[in-house]
Amino acid sequence: MDAHTAAAFRIAISVVRDSALAEDIVQETMIKAWQHLEDQCDVRAERAWVLRIAHNTAVSALRRVRDEATDPDLLPAGQDHRDPARHFQGRADLQALREALDRLDELSRTVLVLRDVEQFSYQQIADALDVPIPTVKTRLLRARREVQRLVNVEELA
């Protein structure tokens, strides 16, 4: 299970956008996976199985606390000794990307994270999210185009 916690966290944070809640989701995911480990018979698909649990748990948690979730941007910032101009531009780029990702639905955002961050194959994503491969490909293409469009629009503004 330890081998999958980092990936489960990335899935959870991509859905709920709150690191404390994502940590809780990872814990809940690992408990669920541990409780049902004997039900999982294909060891090769274990990672996809755990990440499917993480995704489903994150979506459920998001539905429960959507109105109460704390925006990470409202938290106080720590000390930063980097070049202020570079830091500002990097934060602006990151904010534009975050806003573009926030506009995606949970499934599209998760597909994008699994493919571009986790480097999952289309089959692994389909297995993890329990959706057909054509859906994965379509969601990924649309998500990439939408993020690119939104980030480019922000740059022009």
N, C-alpha and C. Protein backbone atom coordinates (compact mmCIF):
# COMPACT_ATOMS: atom_id res chain seq x y z
N MET A 1 0.81 -1.20 0.00
CA MET A 1 0.00 0.00 0.00
C MET A 1 0.86 1.26 0.00
N ASP A 2 2.01 1.22 0.70
CA ASP A 2 2.87 2.40 0.78
C ASP A 2 3.32 2.88 -0.60
N ALA A 3 3.47 1.95 -1.53
CA ALA A 3 3.93 2.32 -2.87
C ALA A 3 2.91 3.17 -3.62
N HIS A 4 1.68 3.18 -3.16
CA HIS A 4 0.62 3.88 -3.88
C HIS A 4 0.14 5.16 -3.19
N THR A 5 0.70 5.49 -2.03
CA THR A 5 0.18 6.64 -1.28
C THR A 5 0.44 7.96 -2.00
N ALA A 6 1.61 8.12 -2.60
CA ALA A 6 1.91 9.39 -3.28
C ALA A 6 0.98 9.60 -4.47
N ALA A 7 0.76 8.56 -5.24
CA ALA A 7 -0.14 8.66 -6.39
C ALA A 7 -1.58 8.90 -5.92
N ALA A 8 -1.97 8.24 -4.86
CA ALA A 8 -3.32 8.45 -4.31
C ALA A 8 -3.48 9.89 -3.83
N PHE A 9 -2.43 10.44 -3.24
CA PHE A 9 -2.49 11.84 -2.80
C PHE A 9 -2.64 12.77 -4.00
N ARG A 10 -1.89 12.53 -5.05
CA ARG A 10 -1.99 13.39 -6.23
C ARG A 10 -3.38 13.32 -6.84
N ILE A 11 -3.97 12.15 -6.86
CA ILE A 11 -5.34 12.01 -7.36
C ILE A 11 -6.30 12.78 -6.46
N ALA A 12 -6.16 12.60 -5.16
CA ALA A 12 -7.06 13.26 -4.22
C ALA A 12 -6.93 14.78 -4.31
N ILE A 13 -5.72 15.29 -4.36
CA ILE A 13 -5.52 16.74 -4.41
C ILE A 13 -6.03 17.30 -5.74
N SER A 14 -5.95 16.51 -6.80
CA SER A 14 -6.46 16.99 -8.09
C SER A 14 -7.98 17.12 -8.08
N VAL A 15 -8.64 16.34 -7.23
CA VAL A 15 -10.10 16.40 -7.16
C VAL A 15 -10.56 17.42 -6.13
N VAL A 16 -10.02 17.37 -4.92
CA VAL A 16 -10.55 18.21 -3.84
C VAL A 16 -9.85 19.55 -3.70
N ARG A 17 -8.62 19.68 -4.21
CA ARG A 17 -7.89 20.94 -4.20
C ARG A 17 -7.61 21.46 -2.79
N ASP A 18 -7.48 20.57 -1.81
CA ASP A 18 -7.20 20.94 -0.42
C ASP A 18 -6.29 19.87 0.15
N SER A 19 -5.06 20.26 0.53
CA SER A 19 -4.08 19.26 0.93
C SER A 19 -4.46 18.51 2.20
N ALA A 20 -5.04 19.18 3.18
CA ALA A 20 -5.44 18.49 4.41
C ALA A 20 -6.54 17.47 4.13
N LEU A 21 -7.51 17.87 3.33
CA LEU A 21 -8.58 16.94 2.96
C LEU A 21 -8.03 15.80 2.12
N ALA A 22 -7.09 16.10 1.24
CA ALA A 22 -6.47 15.05 0.42
C ALA A 22 -5.75 14.03 1.28
N GLU A 23 -5.08 14.49 2.33
CA GLU A 23 -4.40 13.56 3.25
C GLU A 23 -5.41 12.65 3.94
N ASP A 24 -6.54 13.22 4.35
CA ASP A 24 -7.60 12.40 4.96
C ASP A 24 -8.14 11.38 3.97
N ILE A 25 -8.28 11.79 2.73
CA ILE A 25 -8.78 10.89 1.69
C ILE A 25 -7.80 9.74 1.46
N VAL A 26 -6.51 10.04 1.47
CA VAL A 26 -5.50 8.99 1.29
C VAL A 26 -5.59 8.00 2.44
N GLN A 27 -5.74 8.48 3.66
CA GLN A 27 -5.88 7.57 4.79
C GLN A 27 -7.12 6.69 4.64
N GLU A 28 -8.23 7.31 4.28
CA GLU A 28 -9.46 6.55 4.10
C GLU A 28 -9.31 5.55 2.95
N THR A 29 -8.62 5.96 1.89
CA THR A 29 -8.38 5.06 0.76
C THR A 29 -7.58 3.85 1.19
N MET A 30 -6.51 4.07 1.95
CA MET A 30 -5.66 2.96 2.37
C MET A 30 -6.40 2.02 3.32
N ILE A 31 -7.25 2.58 4.15
CA ILE A 31 -8.05 1.73 5.04
C ILE A 31 -9.01 0.87 4.22
N LYS A 32 -9.70 1.50 3.27
CA LYS A 32 -10.62 0.74 2.42
C LYS A 32 -9.88 -0.34 1.63
N ALA A 33 -8.73 0.02 1.07
CA ALA A 33 -7.95 -0.95 0.29
C ALA A 33 -7.49 -2.10 1.18
N TRP A 34 -7.03 -1.78 2.38
CA TRP A 34 -6.56 -2.81 3.29
C TRP A 34 -7.71 -3.74 3.69
N GLN A 35 -8.87 -3.17 3.94
CA GLN A 35 -10.02 -3.98 4.35
C GLN A 35 -10.49 -4.92 3.24
N HIS A 36 -10.29 -4.51 1.99
CA HIS A 36 -10.78 -5.31 0.87
C HIS A 36 -9.65 -5.91 0.04
N LEU A 37 -8.48 -6.00 0.63
CA LEU A 37 -7.32 -6.52 -0.08
C LEU A 37 -7.54 -7.95 -0.57
N GLU A 38 -8.22 -8.77 0.21
CA GLU A 38 -8.46 -10.15 -0.20
C GLU A 38 -9.41 -10.23 -1.40
N ASP A 39 -10.21 -9.18 -1.63
CA ASP A 39 -11.11 -9.15 -2.78
C ASP A 39 -10.35 -8.88 -4.08
N GLN A 40 -9.20 -8.25 -3.98
CA GLN A 40 -8.39 -7.90 -5.15
C GLN A 40 -7.53 -9.11 -5.51
N CYS A 41 -7.85 -9.76 -6.61
CA CYS A 41 -7.13 -10.98 -6.96
C CYS A 41 -6.01 -10.73 -7.96
N ASP A 42 -6.06 -9.68 -8.75
CA ASP A 42 -5.05 -9.41 -9.77
C ASP A 42 -4.01 -8.45 -9.21
N VAL A 43 -2.85 -8.96 -8.82
CA VAL A 43 -1.79 -8.15 -8.23
C VAL A 43 -1.28 -7.11 -9.22
N ARG A 44 -1.30 -7.41 -10.52
CA ARG A 44 -0.82 -6.47 -11.53
C ARG A 44 -1.70 -5.23 -11.62
N ALA A 45 -2.96 -5.35 -11.27
CA ALA A 45 -3.88 -4.22 -11.36
C ALA A 45 -4.08 -3.54 -9.99
N GLU A 46 -3.22 -3.86 -9.04
CA GLU A 46 -3.37 -3.32 -7.70
C GLU A 46 -3.30 -1.79 -7.68
N ARG A 47 -2.36 -1.21 -8.40
CA ARG A 47 -2.21 0.25 -8.43
C ARG A 47 -3.48 0.91 -8.98
N ALA A 48 -3.98 0.40 -10.08
CA ALA A 48 -5.19 0.96 -10.67
C ALA A 48 -6.37 0.82 -9.70
N TRP A 49 -6.44 -0.31 -9.02
CA TRP A 49 -7.50 -0.56 -8.06
C TRP A 49 -7.45 0.45 -6.91
N VAL A 50 -6.27 0.66 -6.36
CA VAL A 50 -6.10 1.62 -5.25
C VAL A 50 -6.43 3.03 -5.73
N LEU A 51 -6.00 3.39 -6.92
CA LEU A 51 -6.27 4.74 -7.43
C LEU A 51 -7.74 4.94 -7.77
N ARG A 52 -8.42 3.89 -8.16
CA ARG A 52 -9.87 3.99 -8.37
C ARG A 52 -10.56 4.26 -7.03
N ILE A 53 -10.12 3.58 -5.98
CA ILE A 53 -10.67 3.82 -4.64
C ILE A 53 -10.39 5.27 -4.23
N ALA A 54 -9.17 5.74 -4.49
CA ALA A 54 -8.80 7.12 -4.14
C ALA A 54 -9.67 8.13 -4.88
N HIS A 55 -9.86 7.90 -6.17
CA HIS A 55 -10.68 8.82 -6.96
C HIS A 55 -12.12 8.84 -6.45
N ASN A 56 -12.70 7.67 -6.26
CA ASN A 56 -14.09 7.60 -5.79
C ASN A 56 -14.25 8.21 -4.39
N THR A 57 -13.28 7.97 -3.53
CA THR A 57 -13.32 8.54 -2.18
C THR A 57 -13.21 10.05 -2.23
N ALA A 58 -12.34 10.55 -3.11
CA ALA A 58 -12.17 12.00 -3.24
C ALA A 58 -13.42 12.67 -3.78
N VAL A 59 -14.03 12.06 -4.79
CA VAL A 59 -15.27 12.63 -5.34
C VAL A 59 -16.36 12.64 -4.28
N SER A 60 -16.47 11.57 -3.51
CA SER A 60 -17.47 11.52 -2.44
C SER A 60 -17.19 12.59 -1.38
N ALA A 61 -15.93 12.75 -1.02
CA ALA A 61 -15.57 13.76 -0.02
C ALA A 61 -15.84 15.16 -0.54
N LEU A 62 -15.56 15.38 -1.80
CA LEU A 62 -15.81 16.69 -2.39
C LEU A 62 -17.29 17.02 -2.36
N ARG A 63 -18.11 16.06 -2.63
CA ARG A 63 -19.56 16.29 -2.59
C ARG A 63 -20.02 16.61 -1.18
N ARG A 64 -19.38 15.98 -0.17
CA ARG A 64 -19.78 16.21 1.22
C ARG A 64 -19.37 17.59 1.73
N VAL A 65 -18.21 18.07 1.30
CA VAL A 65 -17.67 19.30 1.90
C VAL A 65 -17.44 20.42 0.90
N ARG A 66 -18.04 20.35 -0.26
CA ARG A 66 -17.79 21.34 -1.30
C ARG A 66 -17.97 22.77 -0.81
N ASP A 67 -19.00 23.02 -0.05
CA ASP A 67 -19.26 24.38 0.43
C ASP A 67 -18.37 24.78 1.59
N GLU A 68 -17.77 23.81 2.27
CA GLU A 68 -16.98 24.11 3.45
C GLU A 68 -15.48 24.03 3.20
N ALA A 69 -15.05 23.63 2.02
CA ALA A 69 -13.62 23.45 1.75
C ALA A 69 -12.88 24.78 1.86
N THR A 70 -11.72 24.74 2.48
CA THR A 70 -10.89 25.93 2.65
C THR A 70 -10.05 26.15 1.41
N ASP A 71 -10.04 27.37 0.93
CA ASP A 71 -9.23 27.72 -0.22
C ASP A 71 -7.78 27.84 0.23
N PRO A 72 -6.84 27.05 -0.33
CA PRO A 72 -5.44 27.12 0.08
C PRO A 72 -4.83 28.51 -0.12
N ASP A 73 -5.36 29.29 -1.03
CA ASP A 73 -4.82 30.63 -1.28
C ASP A 73 -5.12 31.59 -0.13
N LEU A 74 -6.07 31.26 0.72
CA LEU A 74 -6.40 32.12 1.84
C LEU A 74 -5.49 31.90 3.04
N LEU A 75 -4.68 30.85 3.00
CA LEU A 75 -3.76 30.55 4.09
C LEU A 75 -2.56 31.49 4.02
N PRO A 76 -1.94 31.83 5.15
CA PRO A 76 -0.79 32.74 5.13
C PRO A 76 0.39 32.10 4.40
N ALA A 77 1.13 32.92 3.68
CA ALA A 77 2.30 32.44 2.93
C ALA A 77 3.52 32.44 3.85
N GLY A 78 4.43 31.50 3.61
CA GLY A 78 5.66 31.43 4.38
C GLY A 78 6.72 32.35 3.80
N GLN A 79 7.89 32.40 4.44
CA GLN A 79 9.01 33.21 3.96
C GLN A 79 9.55 32.65 2.68
N ASP A 80 9.86 33.53 1.74
CA ASP A 80 10.39 33.11 0.45
C ASP A 80 11.57 34.01 0.09
N HIS A 81 12.73 33.40 -0.17
CA HIS A 81 13.93 34.18 -0.45
C HIS A 81 14.31 34.14 -1.92
N ARG A 82 13.39 33.82 -2.79
CA ARG A 82 13.68 33.78 -4.22
C ARG A 82 13.55 35.17 -4.82
N ASP A 83 13.97 35.28 -6.08
CA ASP A 83 13.85 36.52 -6.82
C ASP A 83 12.37 36.90 -6.90
N PRO A 84 11.98 38.06 -6.41
CA PRO A 84 10.55 38.42 -6.37
C PRO A 84 9.88 38.45 -7.74
N ALA A 85 10.56 38.94 -8.76
CA ALA A 85 9.94 39.01 -10.10
C ALA A 85 9.68 37.61 -10.64
N ARG A 86 10.68 36.74 -10.53
CA ARG A 86 10.50 35.35 -11.00
C ARG A 86 9.45 34.63 -10.18
N HIS A 87 9.49 34.88 -8.89
CA HIS A 87 8.52 34.24 -8.00
C HIS A 87 7.10 34.70 -8.35
N PHE A 88 6.93 35.99 -8.58
CA PHE A 88 5.61 36.52 -8.93
C PHE A 88 5.11 35.91 -10.23
N GLN A 89 5.98 35.84 -11.25
CA GLN A 89 5.57 35.29 -12.54
C GLN A 89 5.24 33.80 -12.39
N GLY A 90 6.05 33.09 -11.63
CA GLY A 90 5.77 31.67 -11.41
C GLY A 90 4.45 31.45 -10.69
N ARG A 91 4.18 32.30 -9.70
CA ARG A 91 2.90 32.18 -8.98
C ARG A 91 1.73 32.54 -9.88
N ALA A 92 1.93 33.54 -10.74
CA ALA A 92 0.86 33.92 -11.67
C ALA A 92 0.58 32.78 -12.65
N ASP A 93 1.66 32.15 -13.16
CA ASP A 93 1.49 31.01 -14.07
C ASP A 93 0.80 29.85 -13.35
N LEU A 94 1.23 29.59 -12.14
CA LEU A 94 0.63 28.51 -11.36
C LEU A 94 -0.84 28.80 -11.06
N GLN A 95 -1.13 30.05 -10.74
CA GLN A 95 -2.52 30.43 -10.47
C GLN A 95 -3.39 30.26 -11.71
N ALA A 96 -2.86 30.65 -12.87
CA ALA A 96 -3.61 30.50 -14.12
C ALA A 96 -3.87 29.02 -14.40
N LEU A 97 -2.86 28.18 -14.17
CA LEU A 97 -3.03 26.75 -14.36
C LEU A 97 -4.04 26.18 -13.36
N ARG A 98 -3.94 26.61 -12.11
CA ARG A 98 -4.87 26.14 -11.07
C ARG A 98 -6.31 26.52 -11.43
N GLU A 99 -6.50 27.75 -11.89
CA GLU A 99 -7.85 28.19 -12.27
C GLU A 99 -8.36 27.41 -13.47
N ALA A 100 -7.47 27.13 -14.42
CA ALA A 100 -7.88 26.34 -15.59
C ALA A 100 -8.27 24.92 -15.16
N LEU A 101 -7.48 24.32 -14.28
CA LEU A 101 -7.80 22.98 -13.79
C LEU A 101 -9.10 22.98 -12.98
N ASP A 102 -9.33 24.03 -12.22
CA ASP A 102 -10.56 24.12 -11.42
C ASP A 102 -11.80 24.16 -12.29
N ARG A 103 -11.68 24.64 -13.50
CA ARG A 103 -12.84 24.74 -14.40
C ARG A 103 -13.19 23.39 -15.04
N LEU A 104 -12.27 22.43 -14.95
CA LEU A 104 -12.54 21.10 -15.49
C LEU A 104 -13.40 20.31 -14.52
N ASP A 105 -14.18 19.37 -15.04
CA ASP A 105 -14.92 18.49 -14.16
C ASP A 105 -13.95 17.51 -13.51
N GLU A 106 -14.39 16.85 -12.44
CA GLU A 106 -13.50 15.97 -11.66
C GLU A 106 -12.89 14.86 -12.51
N LEU A 107 -13.69 14.23 -13.37
CA LEU A 107 -13.18 13.12 -14.17
C LEU A 107 -12.11 13.60 -15.14
N SER A 108 -12.35 14.70 -15.82
CA SER A 108 -11.37 15.21 -16.78
C SER A 108 -10.09 15.63 -16.08
N ARG A 109 -10.22 16.29 -14.93
CA ARG A 109 -9.04 16.71 -14.16
C ARG A 109 -8.25 15.49 -13.72
N THR A 110 -8.93 14.45 -13.27
CA THR A 110 -8.25 13.23 -12.81
C THR A 110 -7.56 12.53 -13.98
N VAL A 111 -8.21 12.44 -15.12
CA VAL A 111 -7.60 11.83 -16.30
C VAL A 111 -6.33 12.59 -16.68
N LEU A 112 -6.40 13.90 -16.66
CA LEU A 112 -5.24 14.73 -17.00
C LEU A 112 -4.09 14.49 -16.03
N VAL A 113 -4.39 14.44 -14.74
CA VAL A 113 -3.35 14.20 -13.74
C VAL A 113 -2.75 12.80 -13.90
N LEU A 114 -3.60 11.80 -14.09
CA LEU A 114 -3.09 10.43 -14.24
C LEU A 114 -2.19 10.30 -15.46
N ARG A 115 -2.55 10.95 -16.55
CA ARG A 115 -1.76 10.81 -17.78
C ARG A 115 -0.50 11.68 -17.74
N ASP A 116 -0.66 12.96 -17.41
CA ASP A 116 0.46 13.88 -17.54
C ASP A 116 1.36 13.97 -16.31
N VAL A 117 0.84 13.64 -15.14
CA VAL A 117 1.66 13.67 -13.93
C VAL A 117 2.12 12.26 -13.56
N GLU A 118 1.18 11.34 -13.52
CA GLU A 118 1.49 9.96 -13.12
C GLU A 118 2.04 9.12 -14.26
N GLN A 119 1.93 9.60 -15.50
CA GLN A 119 2.41 8.89 -16.68
C GLN A 119 1.73 7.53 -16.86
N PHE A 120 0.44 7.46 -16.52
CA PHE A 120 -0.32 6.23 -16.72
C PHE A 120 -0.61 6.04 -18.20
N SER A 121 -0.72 4.80 -18.61
CA SER A 121 -1.16 4.49 -19.97
C SER A 121 -2.67 4.68 -20.02
N TYR A 122 -3.20 4.72 -21.24
CA TYR A 122 -4.65 4.86 -21.39
C TYR A 122 -5.37 3.69 -20.72
N GLN A 123 -4.82 2.50 -20.86
CA GLN A 123 -5.44 1.32 -20.26
C GLN A 123 -5.43 1.41 -18.74
N GLN A 124 -4.32 1.87 -18.17
CA GLN A 124 -4.24 2.01 -16.71
C GLN A 124 -5.25 3.04 -16.20
N ILE A 125 -5.41 4.13 -16.94
CA ILE A 125 -6.38 5.15 -16.54
C ILE A 125 -7.80 4.58 -16.63
N ALA A 126 -8.08 3.89 -17.72
CA ALA A 126 -9.40 3.28 -17.89
C ALA A 126 -9.70 2.31 -16.75
N ASP A 127 -8.71 1.50 -16.39
CA ASP A 127 -8.89 0.55 -15.29
C ASP A 127 -9.07 1.27 -13.95
N ALA A 128 -8.27 2.30 -13.72
CA ALA A 128 -8.33 3.01 -12.44
C ALA A 128 -9.65 3.73 -12.25
N LEU A 129 -10.21 4.27 -13.32
CA LEU A 129 -11.42 5.07 -13.21
C LEU A 129 -12.67 4.31 -13.65
N ASP A 130 -12.47 3.10 -14.13
CA ASP A 130 -13.57 2.25 -14.56
C ASP A 130 -14.40 2.92 -15.67
N VAL A 131 -13.67 3.42 -16.68
CA VAL A 131 -14.31 4.02 -17.85
C VAL A 131 -13.66 3.42 -19.10
N PRO A 132 -14.33 3.45 -20.24
CA PRO A 132 -13.74 2.91 -21.47
C PRO A 132 -12.56 3.76 -21.96
N ILE A 133 -11.65 3.13 -22.68
CA ILE A 133 -10.48 3.82 -23.21
C ILE A 133 -10.87 5.00 -24.12
N PRO A 134 -11.87 4.88 -25.00
CA PRO A 134 -12.24 6.05 -25.80
C PRO A 134 -12.67 7.24 -24.95
N THR A 135 -13.31 6.98 -23.82
CA THR A 135 -13.69 8.06 -22.91
C THR A 135 -12.45 8.72 -22.33
N VAL A 136 -11.46 7.92 -21.97
CA VAL A 136 -10.20 8.45 -21.45
C VAL A 136 -9.55 9.36 -22.48
N LYS A 137 -9.45 8.88 -23.71
CA LYS A 137 -8.81 9.66 -24.76
C LYS A 137 -9.55 10.96 -25.05
N THR A 138 -10.86 10.88 -25.09
CA THR A 138 -11.67 12.06 -25.36
C THR A 138 -11.55 13.07 -24.24
N ARG A 139 -11.67 12.61 -23.00
CA ARG A 139 -11.57 13.50 -21.84
C ARG A 139 -10.19 14.15 -21.77
N LEU A 140 -9.16 13.37 -22.06
CA LEU A 140 -7.80 13.91 -22.01
C LEU A 140 -7.61 14.98 -23.07
N LEU A 141 -8.03 14.71 -24.29
CA LEU A 141 -7.89 15.68 -25.37
C LEU A 141 -8.65 16.96 -25.05
N ARG A 142 -9.88 16.82 -24.62
CA ARG A 142 -10.69 18.00 -24.29
C ARG A 142 -10.11 18.77 -23.10
N ALA A 143 -9.62 18.04 -22.10
CA ALA A 143 -9.04 18.70 -20.92
C ALA A 143 -7.79 19.47 -21.30
N ARG A 144 -6.92 18.87 -22.10
CA ARG A 144 -5.70 19.56 -22.53
C ARG A 144 -6.04 20.81 -23.34
N ARG A 145 -6.98 20.69 -24.24
CA ARG A 145 -7.37 21.84 -25.06
C ARG A 145 -7.98 22.95 -24.20
N GLU A 146 -8.82 22.56 -23.26
CA GLU A 146 -9.46 23.56 -22.41
C GLU A 146 -8.45 24.26 -21.52
N VAL A 147 -7.52 23.51 -20.94
CA VAL A 147 -6.49 24.12 -20.09
C VAL A 147 -5.62 25.06 -20.94
N GLN A 148 -5.24 24.60 -22.11
CA GLN A 148 -4.42 25.45 -22.99
C GLN A 148 -5.19 26.72 -23.37
N ARG A 149 -6.44 26.58 -23.72
CA ARG A 149 -7.25 27.74 -24.09
C ARG A 149 -7.38 28.72 -22.92
N LEU A 150 -7.66 28.19 -21.75
CA LEU A 150 -7.86 29.05 -20.59
C LEU A 150 -6.56 29.75 -20.18
N VAL A 151 -5.45 29.04 -20.23
CA VAL A 151 -4.17 29.65 -19.86
C VAL A 151 -3.78 30.71 -20.88
N ASN A 152 -4.01 30.44 -22.17
CA ASN A 152 -3.70 31.44 -23.20
C ASN A 152 -4.60 32.66 -23.08
N VAL A 153 -5.86 32.48 -22.74
CA VAL A 153 -6.76 33.60 -22.54
C VAL A 153 -6.29 34.46 -21.37
N GLU A 154 -5.83 33.82 -20.30
CA GLU A 154 -5.33 34.56 -19.14
C GLU A 154 -4.10 35.37 -19.51
N GLU A 155 -3.22 34.84 -20.36
CA GLU A 155 -2.01 35.56 -20.76
C GLU A 155 -2.37 36.79 -21.57
N LEU A 156 -3.41 36.71 -22.36
CA LEU A 156 -3.81 37.85 -23.20
C LEU A 156 -4.50 38.94 -22.40
N ALA A 157 -5.09 38.58 -21.28
CA ALA A 157 -5.84 39.56 -20.48
C ALA A 157 -4.94 40.54 -19.75
